[in-house]
N, C-alpha and C. Protein backbone atom coordinates (compact mmCIF):
# COMPACT_ATOMS: atom_id res chain seq x y z
N UNK A 1 86.77 100.46 95.69
CA UNK A 1 87.44 100.49 94.51
C UNK A 1 88.23 99.19 94.19
N UNK A 2 88.04 98.62 92.96
CA UNK A 2 88.89 97.42 92.66
C UNK A 2 90.18 97.73 92.09
N UNK A 3 90.88 96.93 91.97
CA UNK A 3 92.21 97.01 91.18
C UNK A 3 92.13 96.46 89.89
N UNK A 4 92.68 97.28 88.85
CA UNK A 4 92.74 96.88 87.58
C UNK A 4 93.59 95.64 86.94
N UNK A 5 93.44 94.86 86.33
CA UNK A 5 94.27 93.81 85.55
C UNK A 5 95.67 94.45 85.18
N UNK A 6 95.81 95.54 84.35
CA UNK A 6 96.91 96.24 84.07
C UNK A 6 97.61 96.65 85.33
N UNK A 7 97.16 97.22 86.29
CA UNK A 7 97.88 97.54 87.45
C UNK A 7 98.54 96.23 88.34
N UNK A 8 97.66 95.28 88.25
CA UNK A 8 98.27 94.00 89.00
C UNK A 8 99.62 93.57 88.12
N UNK A 9 99.61 93.53 86.79
CA UNK A 9 100.47 93.13 85.95
C UNK A 9 101.92 93.93 86.24
N UNK A 10 101.50 95.35 86.13
CA UNK A 10 102.63 96.41 86.21
C UNK A 10 103.37 96.18 87.43
N UNK A 11 102.42 95.93 88.69
CA UNK A 11 103.36 95.69 90.08
C UNK A 11 104.11 94.36 89.75
N UNK A 12 103.66 93.49 89.37
CA UNK A 12 104.46 92.05 89.22
C UNK A 12 105.62 92.27 88.36
N UNK A 13 105.36 92.96 87.12
CA UNK A 13 106.68 92.99 86.24
C UNK A 13 107.69 93.98 86.90
N UNK A 14 107.25 95.14 87.62
CA UNK A 14 108.08 96.00 88.39
C UNK A 14 109.14 95.11 89.21
N UNK A 15 108.68 94.05 89.96
CA UNK A 15 109.27 93.25 91.01
C UNK A 15 110.07 92.15 90.10
N UNK A 16 109.33 91.65 88.80
CA UNK A 16 110.20 90.52 88.34
C UNK A 16 110.09 90.85 86.77
N UNK A 17 111.19 92.05 86.40
CA UNK A 17 111.34 92.59 85.07
C UNK A 17 111.03 91.58 83.88
N UNK A 18 111.73 90.44 84.04
CA UNK A 18 111.94 89.50 82.93
C UNK A 18 110.79 88.20 82.95
N UNK A 19 109.85 88.35 83.83
CA UNK A 19 108.92 87.52 84.14
C UNK A 19 107.90 87.44 82.75
N UNK A 20 107.35 86.44 82.58
CA UNK A 20 106.01 86.27 81.62
C UNK A 20 104.97 86.19 82.51
N UNK A 21 104.07 87.30 82.27
CA UNK A 21 103.09 87.45 83.43
C UNK A 21 101.57 87.67 82.34
N UNK A 22 100.71 86.79 83.00
CA UNK A 22 99.52 86.70 82.28
C UNK A 22 98.26 86.80 83.60
N UNK A 23 97.49 88.01 83.30
CA UNK A 23 96.41 88.18 84.52
C UNK A 23 95.12 88.25 83.70
N UNK A 24 94.28 87.49 84.55
CA UNK A 24 92.92 87.26 83.76
C UNK A 24 91.76 87.42 84.79
N UNK A 25 91.01 88.17 84.37
CA UNK A 25 89.63 88.85 85.28
C UNK A 25 88.65 87.60 85.44
N UNK A 26 88.68 86.89 86.40
CA UNK A 26 87.94 85.64 86.26
C UNK A 26 86.23 85.70 86.11
N UNK A 27 85.84 86.69 86.75
CA UNK A 27 84.37 86.99 86.91
C UNK A 27 83.87 88.32 86.05
N UNK A 28 84.98 88.91 85.65
CA UNK A 28 84.66 90.05 84.88
C UNK A 28 84.15 91.20 85.82
N UNK A 29 84.44 91.20 87.01
CA UNK A 29 83.93 92.09 88.03
C UNK A 29 85.13 92.98 88.48
N UNK A 30 86.39 92.74 88.17
CA UNK A 30 87.55 93.52 88.70
C UNK A 30 87.86 93.09 90.02
N UNK A 31 87.20 92.22 90.58
CA UNK A 31 87.54 91.78 91.97
C UNK A 31 88.23 90.54 91.84
N UNK A 32 88.04 89.63 91.07
CA UNK A 32 88.46 88.06 91.31
C UNK A 32 89.39 88.00 89.84
N UNK A 33 90.75 87.64 90.14
CA UNK A 33 91.76 87.50 89.08
C UNK A 33 92.45 86.33 89.36
N UNK A 34 92.96 85.82 88.35
CA UNK A 34 94.05 84.76 88.07
C UNK A 34 95.27 85.14 87.49
N UNK A 35 96.48 84.84 88.05
CA UNK A 35 97.74 85.25 87.45
C UNK A 35 98.74 84.09 87.50
N UNK A 36 99.05 84.06 86.14
CA UNK A 36 100.17 83.12 85.88
C UNK A 36 101.49 83.75 85.47
N UNK A 37 102.73 83.44 86.40
CA UNK A 37 103.83 84.17 86.44
C UNK A 37 105.02 83.12 86.33
N UNK A 38 105.76 83.41 85.24
CA UNK A 38 107.04 82.52 85.13
C UNK A 38 108.38 83.49 85.17
N UNK A 39 108.97 83.14 86.50
CA UNK A 39 109.99 84.20 86.59
C UNK A 39 111.20 83.48 87.26
N UNK A 40 112.45 84.02 86.71
CA UNK A 40 113.65 83.03 86.97
C UNK A 40 113.78 83.27 88.54
N UNK A 41 113.27 84.26 89.29
CA UNK A 41 113.45 84.59 90.66
C UNK A 41 113.06 83.47 91.51
N UNK A 42 112.24 82.70 90.81
CA UNK A 42 111.35 81.72 91.52
C UNK A 42 112.13 80.19 91.81
N UNK A 43 113.36 80.35 91.05
CA UNK A 43 114.00 79.14 90.94
C UNK A 43 114.57 78.73 92.34
N UNK A 44 114.39 77.54 92.76
CA UNK A 44 115.06 77.09 93.92
C UNK A 44 114.11 77.57 95.28
N UNK A 45 113.02 77.91 95.00
CA UNK A 45 111.82 78.44 95.88
C UNK A 45 110.53 77.49 95.86
N UNK A 46 110.19 77.41 97.11
CA UNK A 46 108.90 76.45 97.26
C UNK A 46 107.65 77.41 96.57
N UNK A 47 106.64 76.62 96.38
CA UNK A 47 105.45 77.33 95.81
C UNK A 47 105.09 78.28 96.84
N UNK A 48 105.13 78.12 97.91
CA UNK A 48 104.51 79.14 99.21
C UNK A 48 105.56 80.42 99.14
N UNK A 49 106.79 80.07 99.07
CA UNK A 49 107.74 81.35 98.92
C UNK A 49 107.71 82.23 97.71
N UNK A 50 107.33 81.50 96.52
CA UNK A 50 107.07 82.11 95.37
C UNK A 50 105.74 82.89 95.37
N UNK A 51 104.80 82.49 95.98
CA UNK A 51 103.54 83.34 96.04
C UNK A 51 103.83 84.46 97.07
N UNK A 52 104.53 84.19 98.24
CA UNK A 52 104.88 85.17 98.93
C UNK A 52 105.54 86.36 98.33
N UNK A 53 106.43 86.04 97.51
CA UNK A 53 107.16 87.00 96.65
C UNK A 53 106.20 87.77 95.86
N UNK A 54 105.27 87.26 95.17
CA UNK A 54 104.23 87.95 94.34
C UNK A 54 103.35 88.91 95.27
N UNK A 55 102.96 88.28 96.43
CA UNK A 55 102.22 89.02 97.41
C UNK A 55 102.82 90.45 97.78
N UNK A 56 104.33 90.21 97.89
CA UNK A 56 105.03 91.28 98.43
C UNK A 56 105.11 92.24 97.39
N UNK A 57 105.21 91.84 96.02
CA UNK A 57 105.18 92.65 94.90
C UNK A 57 104.10 93.60 94.70
N UNK A 58 103.04 92.94 95.16
CA UNK A 58 101.44 93.83 94.95
C UNK A 58 101.26 94.66 96.23
N UNK A 59 102.43 94.76 97.17
CA UNK A 59 102.47 95.88 98.18
C UNK A 59 101.24 95.92 99.03
N UNK A 60 100.86 94.67 99.33
CA UNK A 60 99.86 94.80 100.49
C UNK A 60 98.33 94.82 100.06
N UNK A 61 98.08 94.89 98.68
CA UNK A 61 96.95 94.99 97.92
C UNK A 61 96.01 93.82 98.17
N UNK A 62 96.66 92.59 98.30
CA UNK A 62 95.82 91.39 98.32
C UNK A 62 95.09 91.31 99.52
N UNK A 63 93.78 90.88 99.39
CA UNK A 63 92.75 91.16 100.41
C UNK A 63 92.17 92.33 100.79
N UNK A 64 92.66 93.55 100.27
CA UNK A 64 92.13 94.95 100.31
C UNK A 64 91.47 95.14 99.09
N UNK A 65 92.30 96.24 98.25
CA UNK A 65 91.70 96.60 97.02
C UNK A 65 91.62 95.30 96.07
N UNK A 66 92.54 94.46 96.20
CA UNK A 66 92.57 93.15 95.27
C UNK A 66 91.95 92.23 96.07
N UNK A 67 90.66 92.01 95.96
CA UNK A 67 89.83 90.95 96.69
C UNK A 67 90.31 89.55 96.61
N UNK A 68 90.66 89.04 95.36
CA UNK A 68 90.87 87.51 95.31
C UNK A 68 91.86 87.41 94.02
N UNK A 69 92.98 86.43 94.32
CA UNK A 69 93.89 86.37 93.21
C UNK A 69 94.34 85.12 93.48
N UNK A 70 94.15 83.97 92.45
CA UNK A 70 94.53 82.74 92.07
C UNK A 70 96.09 82.75 91.50
N UNK A 71 96.94 82.14 92.14
CA UNK A 71 98.18 82.46 91.59
C UNK A 71 98.90 80.95 91.13
N UNK A 72 99.46 81.02 89.92
CA UNK A 72 100.09 80.00 89.30
C UNK A 72 101.66 80.35 89.03
N UNK A 73 102.40 79.91 89.85
CA UNK A 73 103.86 80.41 89.63
C UNK A 73 104.71 79.34 89.00
N UNK A 74 105.87 79.74 88.41
CA UNK A 74 106.65 78.80 87.87
C UNK A 74 108.03 79.26 87.36
N UNK A 75 108.96 78.46 87.16
CA UNK A 75 110.34 78.95 86.72
C UNK A 75 110.25 78.83 85.19
N UNK A 76 110.72 79.58 84.38
CA UNK A 76 110.81 79.63 82.76
C UNK A 76 111.62 78.50 82.71
N UNK A 77 111.36 77.70 81.39
CA UNK A 77 112.04 76.64 80.96
C UNK A 77 113.03 76.96 80.21
């Protein structure tokens, strides 16, 4: 069973309530997603730290129910 885009967005928004989140199903198969996230919580963090924060927000689903997720993270301007 794949993870739906709205569920990915919900989990990210739970962790980063004021974030701007865009989730796109890359292949139309519910298994390959891209997410763009702009969150103030990323300020002062490296890209690796930012991505780890997003993976933590997804509660261990990456690599399991959520097969592939390409991340683009940033701090809002």
